[in-house]
Amino acid sequence: PLGLAHSNRRSFVGLDNLVDLLCTCLEHPAAANQTFMVS
């Protein structure tokens, strides 16, 4: 019963996208002491 649930918006993150960001955070110099949102 969700055919009219089209006005909201939600962020999700695919597993491969999260893993890619974590690999980036392991080595990127600018990642140190930062907080990152991901989606």
Full PDB file with SEQRES, HELIX, SHEET, SSBOND, CRYST1, ORIGX, SCALE, CONECT and MASTER records, all heavy atoms in Angstrom:
SEQRES   1 A   39  PRO LEU GLY LEU ALA HIS SER ASN ARG ARG SER PHE VAL          
SEQRES   2 A   39  GLY LEU ASP ASN LEU VAL ASP LEU LEU CYS THR CYS LEU          
SEQRES   3 A   39  GLU HIS PRO ALA ALA ALA ASN GLN THR PHE MET VAL SER          
HELIX    1 AA1 LEU A   15  GLU A   27  1                                  13    
HELIX    2 AA2 PRO A   29  ALA A   31  5                                   3    
CRYST1    1.000    1.000    1.000  90.00  90.00  90.00 P 1           1          
ORIGX1      1.000000  0.000000  0.000000        0.00000                         
ORIGX2      0.000000  1.000000  0.000000        0.00000                         
ORIGX3      0.000000  0.000000  1.000000        0.00000                         
SCALE1      1.000000  0.000000  0.000000        0.00000                         
SCALE2      0.000000  1.000000  0.000000        0.00000                         
SCALE3      0.000000  0.000000  1.000000        0.00000                         
ATOM      1  N   PRO A   1       0.812  -1.223   0.000  1.00  0.00           N  
ATOM      2  CA  PRO A   1       0.000   0.000   0.000  1.00  0.00           C  
ATOM      3  C   PRO A   1       0.848   1.277   0.000  1.00  0.00           C  
ATOM      4  O   PRO A   1       0.603   2.200   0.788  1.00  0.00           O  
ATOM      5  CB  PRO A   1      -0.805  -0.139   1.292  1.00  0.00           C  
ATOM      6  CG  PRO A   1       0.125  -0.849   2.220  1.00  0.00           C  
ATOM      7  CD  PRO A   1       0.894  -1.826   1.356  1.00  0.00           C  
ATOM      8  N   LEU A   2       1.840   1.345  -0.880  1.00  0.00           N  
ATOM      9  CA  LEU A   2       2.818   2.438  -0.828  1.00  0.00           C  
ATOM     10  C   LEU A   2       2.930   3.192  -2.142  1.00  0.00           C  
ATOM     11  O   LEU A   2       3.907   3.884  -2.392  1.00  0.00           O  
ATOM     12  CB  LEU A   2       4.187   1.868  -0.419  1.00  0.00           C  
ATOM     13  CG  LEU A   2       4.230   1.252   0.988  1.00  0.00           C  
ATOM     14  CD1 LEU A   2       5.462   0.384   1.167  1.00  0.00           C  
ATOM     15  CD2 LEU A   2       4.182   2.353   2.046  1.00  0.00           C  
ATOM     16  N   GLY A   3       1.904   3.067  -2.982  1.00  0.00           N  
ATOM     17  CA  GLY A   3       1.961   3.715  -4.293  1.00  0.00           C  
ATOM     18  C   GLY A   3       1.956   5.223  -4.237  1.00  0.00           C  
ATOM     19  O   GLY A   3       2.381   5.877  -5.196  1.00  0.00           O  
ATOM     20  N   LEU A   4       1.490   5.814  -3.136  1.00  0.00           N  
ATOM     21  CA  LEU A   4       1.460   7.272  -3.009  1.00  0.00           C  
ATOM     22  C   LEU A   4       2.586   7.804  -2.121  1.00  0.00           C  
ATOM     23  O   LEU A   4       2.634   9.001  -1.833  1.00  0.00           O  
ATOM     24  CB  LEU A   4       0.110   7.732  -2.457  1.00  0.00           C  
ATOM     25  CG  LEU A   4      -1.110   7.404  -3.339  1.00  0.00           C  
ATOM     26  CD1 LEU A   4      -2.384   7.925  -2.692  1.00  0.00           C  
ATOM     27  CD2 LEU A   4      -0.938   7.994  -4.731  1.00  0.00           C  
ATOM     28  N   ALA A   5       3.490   6.919  -1.717  1.00  0.00           N  
ATOM     29  CA  ALA A   5       4.618   7.341  -0.862  1.00  0.00           C  
ATOM     30  C   ALA A   5       5.745   7.867  -1.726  1.00  0.00           C  
ATOM     31  O   ALA A   5       6.838   7.294  -1.790  1.00  0.00           O  
ATOM     32  CB  ALA A   5       5.077   6.176   0.001  1.00  0.00           C  
ATOM     33  N   HIS A   6       5.467   8.979  -2.414  1.00  0.00           N  
ATOM     34  CA  HIS A   6       6.454   9.508  -3.358  1.00  0.00           C  
ATOM     35  C   HIS A   6       6.938  10.914  -3.015  1.00  0.00           C  
ATOM     36  O   HIS A   6       7.697  11.515  -3.779  1.00  0.00           O  
ATOM     37  CB  HIS A   6       5.877   9.505  -4.780  1.00  0.00           C  
ATOM     38  CG  HIS A   6       4.511  10.111  -4.886  1.00  0.00           C  
ATOM     39  ND1 HIS A   6       4.262  11.447  -4.670  1.00  0.00           N  
ATOM     40  CD2 HIS A   6       3.308   9.536  -5.169  1.00  0.00           C  
ATOM     41  CE1 HIS A   6       2.979  11.686  -4.826  1.00  0.00           C  
ATOM     42  NE2 HIS A   6       2.371  10.542  -5.131  1.00  0.00           N  
ATOM     43  N   SER A   7       6.515  11.447  -1.861  1.00  0.00           N  
ATOM     44  CA  SER A   7       6.939  12.812  -1.511  1.00  0.00           C  
ATOM     45  C   SER A   7       8.091  12.834  -0.505  1.00  0.00           C  
ATOM     46  O   SER A   7       8.687  13.887  -0.270  1.00  0.00           O  
ATOM     47  CB  SER A   7       5.755  13.611  -0.956  1.00  0.00           C  
ATOM     48  OG  SER A   7       5.254  12.992   0.217  1.00  0.00           O  
ATOM     49  N   ASN A   8       8.408  11.702   0.105  1.00  0.00           N  
ATOM     50  CA  ASN A   8       9.521  11.670   1.058  1.00  0.00           C  
ATOM     51  C   ASN A   8      10.835  11.401   0.324  1.00  0.00           C  
ATOM     52  O   ASN A   8      10.842  11.027  -0.847  1.00  0.00           O  
ATOM     53  CB  ASN A   8       9.281  10.606   2.133  1.00  0.00           C  
ATOM     54  CG  ASN A   8       9.362   9.187   1.590  1.00  0.00           C  
ATOM     55  OD1 ASN A   8       8.931   8.914   0.482  1.00  0.00           O  
ATOM     56  ND2 ASN A   8       9.915   8.270   2.375  1.00  0.00           N  
ATOM     57  N   ARG A   9      11.938  11.581   1.019  1.00  0.00           N  
ATOM     58  CA  ARG A   9      13.254  11.287   0.451  1.00  0.00           C  
ATOM     59  C   ARG A   9      14.123  10.656   1.525  1.00  0.00           C  
ATOM     60  O   ARG A   9      14.196  11.140   2.658  1.00  0.00           O  
ATOM     61  CB  ARG A   9      13.952  12.568  -0.065  1.00  0.00           C  
ATOM     62  CG  ARG A   9      13.306  13.177  -1.292  1.00  0.00           C  
ATOM     63  CD  ARG A   9      13.482  12.280  -2.512  1.00  0.00           C  
ATOM     64  NE  ARG A   9      12.891  12.853  -3.709  1.00  0.00           N  
ATOM     65  CZ  ARG A   9      11.635  12.708  -4.086  1.00  0.00           C  
ATOM     66  NH1 ARG A   9      10.805  11.988  -3.320  1.00  0.00           N  
ATOM     67  NH2 ARG A   9      11.186  13.258  -5.185  1.00  0.00           N  
ATOM     68  N   ARG A  10      14.797   9.562   1.137  1.00  0.00           N  
ATOM     69  CA  ARG A  10      15.668   8.871   2.073  1.00  0.00           C  
ATOM     70  C   ARG A  10      16.999   8.554   1.385  1.00  0.00           C  
ATOM     71  O   ARG A  10      17.036   8.215   0.198  1.00  0.00           O  
ATOM     72  CB  ARG A  10      15.033   7.584   2.585  1.00  0.00           C  
ATOM     73  CG  ARG A  10      13.737   7.813   3.349  1.00  0.00           C  
ATOM     74  CD  ARG A  10      13.269   6.573   4.077  1.00  0.00           C  
ATOM     75  NE  ARG A  10      14.080   6.254   5.243  1.00  0.00           N  
ATOM     76  CZ  ARG A  10      13.928   6.796   6.444  1.00  0.00           C  
ATOM     77  NH1 ARG A  10      12.988   7.701   6.650  1.00  0.00           N  
ATOM     78  NH2 ARG A  10      14.700   6.442   7.450  1.00  0.00           N  
ATOM     79  N   SER A  11      18.074   8.666   2.160  1.00  0.00           N  
ATOM     80  CA  SER A  11      19.412   8.311   1.679  1.00  0.00           C  
ATOM     81  C   SER A  11      19.707   6.866   2.052  1.00  0.00           C  
ATOM     82  O   SER A  11      19.383   6.415   3.154  1.00  0.00           O  
ATOM     83  CB  SER A  11      20.474   9.215   2.313  1.00  0.00           C  
ATOM     84  OG  SER A  11      20.321  10.555   1.922  1.00  0.00           O  
ATOM     85  N   PHE A  12      20.327   6.164   1.131  1.00  0.00           N  
ATOM     86  CA  PHE A  12      20.819   4.809   1.356  1.00  0.00           C  
ATOM     87  C   PHE A  12      22.250   4.751   0.844  1.00  0.00           C  
ATOM     88  O   PHE A  12      22.695   5.634   0.109  1.00  0.00           O  
ATOM     89  CB  PHE A  12      19.962   3.772   0.607  1.00  0.00           C  
ATOM     90  CG  PHE A  12      18.505   3.812   0.957  1.00  0.00           C  
ATOM     91  CD1 PHE A  12      17.604   4.578   0.214  1.00  0.00           C  
ATOM     92  CD2 PHE A  12      18.010   3.089   2.029  1.00  0.00           C  
ATOM     93  CE1 PHE A  12      16.260   4.626   0.536  1.00  0.00           C  
ATOM     94  CE2 PHE A  12      16.670   3.114   2.355  1.00  0.00           C  
ATOM     95  CZ  PHE A  12      15.788   3.888   1.605  1.00  0.00           C  
ATOM     96  N   VAL A  13      22.960   3.692   1.207  1.00  0.00           N  
ATOM     97  CA  VAL A  13      24.294   3.513   0.629  1.00  0.00           C  
ATOM     98  C   VAL A  13      24.477   2.047   0.264  1.00  0.00           C  
ATOM     99  O   VAL A  13      24.242   1.148   1.086  1.00  0.00           O  
ATOM    100  CB  VAL A  13      25.422   3.996   1.577  1.00  0.00           C  
ATOM    101  CG1 VAL A  13      25.491   3.191   2.873  1.00  0.00           C  
ATOM    102  CG2 VAL A  13      26.760   3.971   0.853  1.00  0.00           C  
ATOM    103  N   GLY A  14      24.854   1.809  -0.984  1.00  0.00           N  
ATOM    104  CA  GLY A  14      25.160   0.465  -1.431  1.00  0.00           C  
ATOM    105  C   GLY A  14      26.445  -0.027  -0.789  1.00  0.00           C  
ATOM    106  O   GLY A  14      27.367   0.746  -0.500  1.00  0.00           O  
ATOM    107  N   LEU A  15      26.515  -1.322  -0.560  1.00  0.00           N  
ATOM    108  CA  LEU A  15      27.674  -1.929   0.093  1.00  0.00           C  
ATOM    109  C   LEU A  15      28.971  -1.565  -0.617  1.00  0.00           C  
ATOM    110  O   LEU A  15      29.969  -1.207   0.030  1.00  0.00           O  
ATOM    111  CB  LEU A  15      27.497  -3.447   0.128  1.00  0.00           C  
ATOM    112  CG  LEU A  15      28.620  -4.275   0.747  1.00  0.00           C  
ATOM    113  CD1 LEU A  15      28.816  -3.909   2.210  1.00  0.00           C  
ATOM    114  CD2 LEU A  15      28.319  -5.763   0.601  1.00  0.00           C  
ATOM    115  N   ASP A  16      28.993  -1.633  -1.941  1.00  0.00           N  
ATOM    116  CA  ASP A  16      30.226  -1.340  -2.675  1.00  0.00           C  
ATOM    117  C   ASP A  16      30.632   0.121  -2.543  1.00  0.00           C  
ATOM    118  O   ASP A  16      31.829   0.435  -2.519  1.00  0.00           O  
ATOM    119  CB  ASP A  16      30.060  -1.725  -4.146  1.00  0.00           C  
ATOM    120  CG  ASP A  16      29.936  -3.232  -4.326  1.00  0.00           C  
ATOM    121  OD1 ASP A  16      30.729  -3.966  -3.722  1.00  0.00           O  
ATOM    122  OD2 ASP A  16      29.051  -3.669  -5.076  1.00  0.00           O  
ATOM    123  N   ASN A  17      29.661   1.016  -2.446  1.00  0.00           N  
ATOM    124  CA  ASN A  17      29.992   2.431  -2.263  1.00  0.00           C  
ATOM    125  C   ASN A  17      30.577   2.686  -0.877  1.00  0.00           C  
ATOM    126  O   ASN A  17      31.543   3.442  -0.723  1.00  0.00           O  
ATOM    127  CB  ASN A  17      28.755   3.299  -2.490  1.00  0.00           C  
ATOM    128  CG  ASN A  17      28.391   3.419  -3.954  1.00  0.00           C  
ATOM    129  OD1 ASN A  17      29.241   3.246  -4.834  1.00  0.00           O  
ATOM    130  ND2 ASN A  17      27.137   3.710  -4.238  1.00  0.00           N  
ATOM    131  N   LEU A  18      30.007   2.053   0.148  1.00  0.00           N  
ATOM    132  CA  LEU A  18      30.551   2.220   1.495  1.00  0.00           C  
ATOM    133  C   LEU A  18      31.960   1.650   1.585  1.00  0.00           C  
ATOM    134  O   LEU A  18      32.871   2.290   2.138  1.00  0.00           O  
ATOM    135  CB  LEU A  18      29.646   1.544   2.519  1.00  0.00           C  
ATOM    136  CG  LEU A  18      30.150   1.576   3.969  1.00  0.00           C  
ATOM    137  CD1 LEU A  18      30.381   3.002   4.447  1.00  0.00           C  
ATOM    138  CD2 LEU A  18      29.176   0.844   4.890  1.00  0.00           C  
ATOM    139  N   VAL A  19      32.167   0.465   1.025  1.00  0.00           N  
ATOM    140  CA  VAL A  19      33.498  -0.149   1.053  1.00  0.00           C  
ATOM    141  C   VAL A  19      34.504   0.729   0.313  1.00  0.00           C  
ATOM    142  O   VAL A  19      35.641   0.916   0.769  1.00  0.00           O  
ATOM    143  CB  VAL A  19      33.439  -1.566   0.451  1.00  0.00           C  
ATOM    144  CG1 VAL A  19      34.839  -2.090   0.136  1.00  0.00           C  
ATOM    145  CG2 VAL A  19      32.734  -2.511   1.416  1.00  0.00           C  
ATOM    146  N   ASP A  20      34.101   1.285  -0.809  1.00  0.00           N  
ATOM    147  CA  ASP A  20      35.002   2.156  -1.562  1.00  0.00           C  
ATOM    148  C   ASP A  20      35.405   3.375  -0.734  1.00  0.00           C  
ATOM    149  O   ASP A  20      36.580   3.773  -0.723  1.00  0.00           O  
ATOM    150  CB  ASP A  20      34.324   2.596  -2.864  1.00  0.00           C  
ATOM    151  CG  ASP A  20      35.291   3.282  -3.813  1.00  0.00           C  
ATOM    152  OD1 ASP A  20      36.069   2.581  -4.487  1.00  0.00           O  
ATOM    153  OD2 ASP A  20      35.282   4.534  -3.875  1.00  0.00           O  
ATOM    154  N   LEU A  21      34.448   3.966  -0.030  1.00  0.00           N  
ATOM    155  CA  LEU A  21      34.781   5.119   0.809  1.00  0.00           C  
ATOM    156  C   LEU A  21      35.702   4.716   1.950  1.00  0.00           C  
ATOM    157  O   LEU A  21      36.658   5.438   2.271  1.00  0.00           O  
ATOM    158  CB  LEU A  21      33.520   5.772   1.361  1.00  0.00           C  
ATOM    159  CG  LEU A  21      33.811   6.966   2.273  1.00  0.00           C  
ATOM    160  CD1 LEU A  21      34.424   8.121   1.492  1.00  0.00           C  
ATOM    161  CD2 LEU A  21      32.560   7.421   3.012  1.00  0.00           C  
ATOM    162  N   LEU A  22      35.458   3.574   2.581  1.00  0.00           N  
ATOM    163  CA  LEU A  22      36.315   3.142   3.686  1.00  0.00           C  
ATOM    164  C   LEU A  22      37.747   2.915   3.210  1.00  0.00           C  
ATOM    165  O   LEU A  22      38.707   3.279   3.904  1.00  0.00           O  
ATOM    166  CB  LEU A  22      35.760   1.866   4.316  1.00  0.00           C  
ATOM    167  CG  LEU A  22      34.423   2.013   5.049  1.00  0.00           C  
ATOM    168  CD1 LEU A  22      33.932   0.661   5.560  1.00  0.00           C  
ATOM    169  CD2 LEU A  22      34.531   3.019   6.186  1.00  0.00           C  
ATOM    170  N   CYS A  23      37.899   2.346   2.021  1.00  0.00           N  
ATOM    171  CA  CYS A  23      39.251   2.167   1.473  1.00  0.00           C  
ATOM    172  C   CYS A  23      39.916   3.519   1.225  1.00  0.00           C  
ATOM    173  O   CYS A  23      41.114   3.691   1.479  1.00  0.00           O  
ATOM    174  CB  CYS A  23      39.177   1.366   0.170  1.00  0.00           C  
ATOM    175  SG  CYS A  23      38.749  -0.374   0.408  1.00  0.00           S  
ATOM    176  N   THR A  24      39.146   4.481   0.749  1.00  0.00           N  
ATOM    177  CA  THR A  24      39.679   5.830   0.542  1.00  0.00           C  
ATOM    178  C   THR A  24      40.103   6.446   1.870  1.00  0.00           C  
ATOM    179  O   THR A  24      41.175   7.063   1.983  1.00  0.00           O  
ATOM    180  CB  THR A  24      38.627   6.721  -0.133  1.00  0.00           C  
ATOM    181  OG1 THR A  24      38.262   6.156  -1.397  1.00  0.00           O  
ATOM    182  CG2 THR A  24      39.148   8.139  -0.356  1.00  0.00           C  
ATOM    183  N   CYS A  25      39.288   6.262   2.900  1.00  0.00           N  
ATOM    184  CA  CYS A  25      39.578   6.841   4.210  1.00  0.00           C  
ATOM    185  C   CYS A  25      40.808   6.227   4.868  1.00  0.00           C  
ATOM    186  O   CYS A  25      41.432   6.857   5.726  1.00  0.00           O  
ATOM    187  CB  CYS A  25      38.371   6.676   5.130  1.00  0.00           C  
ATOM    188  SG  CYS A  25      36.969   7.735   4.708  1.00  0.00           S  
ATOM    189  N   LEU A  26      41.168   5.023   4.492  1.00  0.00           N  
ATOM    190  CA  LEU A  26      42.353   4.387   5.057  1.00  0.00           C  
ATOM    191  C   LEU A  26      43.641   5.085   4.661  1.00  0.00           C  
ATOM    192  O   LEU A  26      44.606   5.077   5.423  1.00  0.00           O  
ATOM    193  CB  LEU A  26      42.411   2.917   4.629  1.00  0.00           C  
ATOM    194  CG  LEU A  26      41.566   1.938   5.433  1.00  0.00           C  
ATOM    195  CD1 LEU A  26      41.521   0.580   4.753  1.00  0.00           C  
ATOM    196  CD2 LEU A  26      42.118   1.800   6.853  1.00  0.00           C  
ATOM    197  N   GLU A  27      43.649   5.690   3.479  1.00  0.00           N  
ATOM    198  CA  GLU A  27      44.921   6.195   2.958  1.00  0.00           C  
ATOM    199  C   GLU A  27      44.928   7.678   2.589  1.00  0.00           C  
ATOM    200  O   GLU A  27      45.993   8.283   2.512  1.00  0.00           O  
ATOM    201  CB  GLU A  27      45.301   5.382   1.717  1.00  0.00           C  
ATOM    202  CG  GLU A  27      45.568   3.914   2.005  1.00  0.00           C  
ATOM    203  CD  GLU A  27      46.287   3.221   0.871  1.00  0.00           C  
ATOM    204  OE1 GLU A  27      45.677   3.070  -0.206  1.00  0.00           O  
ATOM    205  OE2 GLU A  27      47.460   2.859   1.055  1.00  0.00           O  
ATOM    206  N   HIS A  28      43.779   8.271   2.355  1.00  0.00           N  
ATOM    207  CA  HIS A  28      43.766   9.653   1.877  1.00  0.00           C  
ATOM    208  C   HIS A  28      44.277  10.602   2.955  1.00  0.00           C  
ATOM    209  O   HIS A  28      43.770  10.601   4.085  1.00  0.00           O  
ATOM    210  CB  HIS A  28      42.347  10.047   1.474  1.00  0.00           C  
ATOM    211  CG  HIS A  28      42.280  11.230   0.564  1.00  0.00           C  
ATOM    212  ND1 HIS A  28      42.711  12.483   0.924  1.00  0.00           N  
ATOM    213  CD2 HIS A  28      41.837  11.337  -0.722  1.00  0.00           C  
ATOM    214  CE1 HIS A  28      42.528  13.319  -0.082  1.00  0.00           C  
ATOM    215  NE2 HIS A  28      42.002  12.651  -1.087  1.00  0.00           N  
ATOM    216  N   PRO A  29      45.262  11.443   2.646  1.00  0.00           N  
ATOM    217  CA  PRO A  29      45.817  12.350   3.669  1.00  0.00           C  
ATOM    218  C   PRO A  29      44.777  13.293   4.259  1.00  0.00           C  
ATOM    219  O   PRO A  29      44.838  13.619   5.447  1.00  0.00           O  
ATOM    220  CB  PRO A  29      46.893  13.128   2.897  1.00  0.00           C  
ATOM    221  CG  PRO A  29      47.234  12.269   1.730  1.00  0.00           C  
ATOM    222  CD  PRO A  29      45.987  11.551   1.359  1.00  0.00           C  
ATOM    223  N   ALA A  30      43.815  13.729   3.438  1.00  0.00           N  
ATOM    224  CA  ALA A  30      42.829  14.706   3.906  1.00  0.00           C  
ATOM    225  C   ALA A  30      41.744  14.089   4.777  1.00  0.00           C  
ATOM    226  O   ALA A  30      40.925  14.812   5.351  1.00  0.00           O  
ATOM    227  CB  ALA A  30      42.189  15.412   2.707  1.00  0.00           C  
ATOM    228  N   ALA A  31      41.713  12.757   4.891  1.00  0.00           N  
ATOM    229  CA  ALA A  31      40.671  12.109   5.691  1.00  0.00           C  
ATOM    230  C   ALA A  31      40.926  12.209   7.186  1.00  0.00           C  
ATOM    231  O   ALA A  31      40.001  12.089   7.990  1.00  0.00           O  
ATOM    232  CB  ALA A  31      40.544  10.641   5.296  1.00  0.00           C  
ATOM    233  N   ALA A  32      42.177  12.440   7.568  1.00  0.00           N  
ATOM    234  CA  ALA A  32      42.541  12.438   8.992  1.00  0.00           C  
ATOM    235  C   ALA A  32      41.748  13.469   9.770  1.00  0.00           C  
ATOM    236  O   ALA A  32      41.631  14.635   9.358  1.00  0.00           O  
ATOM    237  CB  ALA A  32      44.032  12.704   9.144  1.00  0.00           C  
ATOM    238  N   ASN A  33      41.184  13.033  10.888  1.00  0.00           N  
ATOM    239  CA  ASN A  33      40.466  13.895  11.825  1.00  0.00           C  
ATOM    240  C   ASN A  33      39.242  14.563  11.208  1.00  0.00           C  
ATOM    241  O   ASN A  33      38.916  15.705  11.533  1.00  0.00           O  
ATOM    242  CB  ASN A  33      41.426  14.930  12.424  1.00  0.00           C  
ATOM    243  CG  ASN A  33      42.635  14.267  13.044  1.00  0.00           C  
ATOM    244  OD1 ASN A  33      42.500  13.342  13.846  1.00  0.00           O  
ATOM    245  ND2 ASN A  33      43.823  14.696  12.665  1.00  0.00           N  
ATOM    246  N   GLN A  34      38.572  13.813  10.343  1.00  0.00           N  
ATOM    247  CA  GLN A  34      37.365  14.299   9.689  1.00  0.00           C  
ATOM    248  C   GLN A  34      36.185  13.377  10.005  1.00  0.00           C  
ATOM    249  O   GLN A  34      36.359  12.202  10.331  1.00  0.00           O  
ATOM    250  CB  GLN A  34      37.555  14.343   8.169  1.00  0.00           C  
ATOM    251  CG  GLN A  34      38.594  15.345   7.692  1.00  0.00           C  
ATOM    252  CD  GLN A  34      38.090  16.776   7.749  1.00  0.00           C  
ATOM    253  OE1 GLN A  34      36.891  17.032   7.775  1.00  0.00           O  
ATOM    254  NE2 GLN A  34      39.019  17.717   7.766  1.00  0.00           N  
ATOM    255  N   THR A  35      34.985  13.933   9.863  1.00  0.00           N  
ATOM    256  CA  THR A  35      33.745  13.172   9.955  1.00  0.00           C  
ATOM    257  C   THR A  35      33.063  13.221   8.598  1.00  0.00           C  
ATOM    258  O   THR A  35      32.894  14.308   8.029  1.00  0.00           O  
ATOM    259  CB  THR A  35      32.808  13.753  11.026  1.00  0.00           C  
ATOM    260  OG1 THR A  35      33.453  13.672  12.306  1.00  0.00           O  
ATOM    261  CG2 THR A  35      31.489  12.995  11.076  1.00  0.00           C  
ATOM    262  N   PHE A  36      32.671  12.065   8.088  1.00  0.00           N  
ATOM    263  CA  PHE A  36      32.107  11.992   6.743  1.00  0.00           C  
ATOM    264  C   PHE A  36      30.735  11.331   6.757  1.00  0.00           C  
ATOM    265  O   PHE A  36      30.548  10.260   7.341  1.00  0.00           O  
ATOM    266  CB  PHE A  36      33.018  11.171   5.817  1.00  0.00           C  
ATOM    267  CG  PHE A  36      34.372  11.787   5.586  1.00  0.00           C  
ATOM    268  CD1 PHE A  36      35.521  11.095   5.942  1.00  0.00           C  
ATOM    269  CD2 PHE A  36      34.497  13.052   5.032  1.00  0.00           C  
ATOM    270  CE1 PHE A  36      36.775  11.648   5.725  1.00  0.00           C  
ATOM    271  CE2 PHE A  36      35.748  13.623   4.824  1.00  0.00           C  
ATOM    272  CZ  PHE A  36      36.892  12.912   5.165  1.00  0.00           C  
ATOM    273  N   MET A  37      29.788  11.979   6.096  1.00  0.00           N  
ATOM    274  CA  MET A  37      28.518  11.347   5.770  1.00  0.00           C  
ATOM    275  C   MET A  37      28.724  10.589   4.462  1.00  0.00           C  
ATOM    276  O   MET A  37      29.537  10.977   3.624  1.00  0.00           O  
ATOM    277  CB  MET A  37      27.409  12.395   5.594  1.00  0.00           C  
ATOM    278  CG  MET A  37      27.336  13.456   6.684  1.00  0.00           C  
ATOM    279  SD  MET A  37      27.122  12.804   8.350  1.00  0.00           S  
ATOM    280  CE  MET A  37      25.402  12.311   8.290  1.00  0.00           C  
ATOM    281  N   VAL A  38      27.972   9.509   4.292  1.00  0.00           N  
ATOM    282  CA  VAL A  38      28.123   8.720   3.068  1.00  0.00           C  
ATOM    283  C   VAL A  38      26.746   8.250   2.605  1.00  0.00           C  
ATOM    284  O   VAL A  38      25.884   7.913   3.414  1.00  0.00           O  
ATOM    285  CB  VAL A  38      29.071   7.516   3.280  1.00  0.00           C  
ATOM    286  CG1 VAL A  38      28.561   6.586   4.367  1.00  0.00           C  
ATOM    287  CG2 VAL A  38      29.279   6.747   1.982  1.00  0.00           C  
ATOM    288  N   SER A  39      26.541   8.259   1.293  1.00  0.00           N  
ATOM    289  CA  SER A  39      25.324   7.711   0.691  1.00  0.00           C  
ATOM    290  C   SER A  39      25.610   7.453  -0.778  1.00  0.00           C  
ATOM    291  O   SER A  39      26.724   7.690  -1.259  1.00  0.00           O  
ATOM    292  CB  SER A  39      24.144   8.683   0.840  1.00  0.00           C  
ATOM    293  OG  SER A  39      24.229   9.740  -0.107  1.00  0.00           O  
TER     294      SER A  39                                                      
MASTER        0    0    0    2    0    0    0    6  293    1    0    3          
END                                                                             
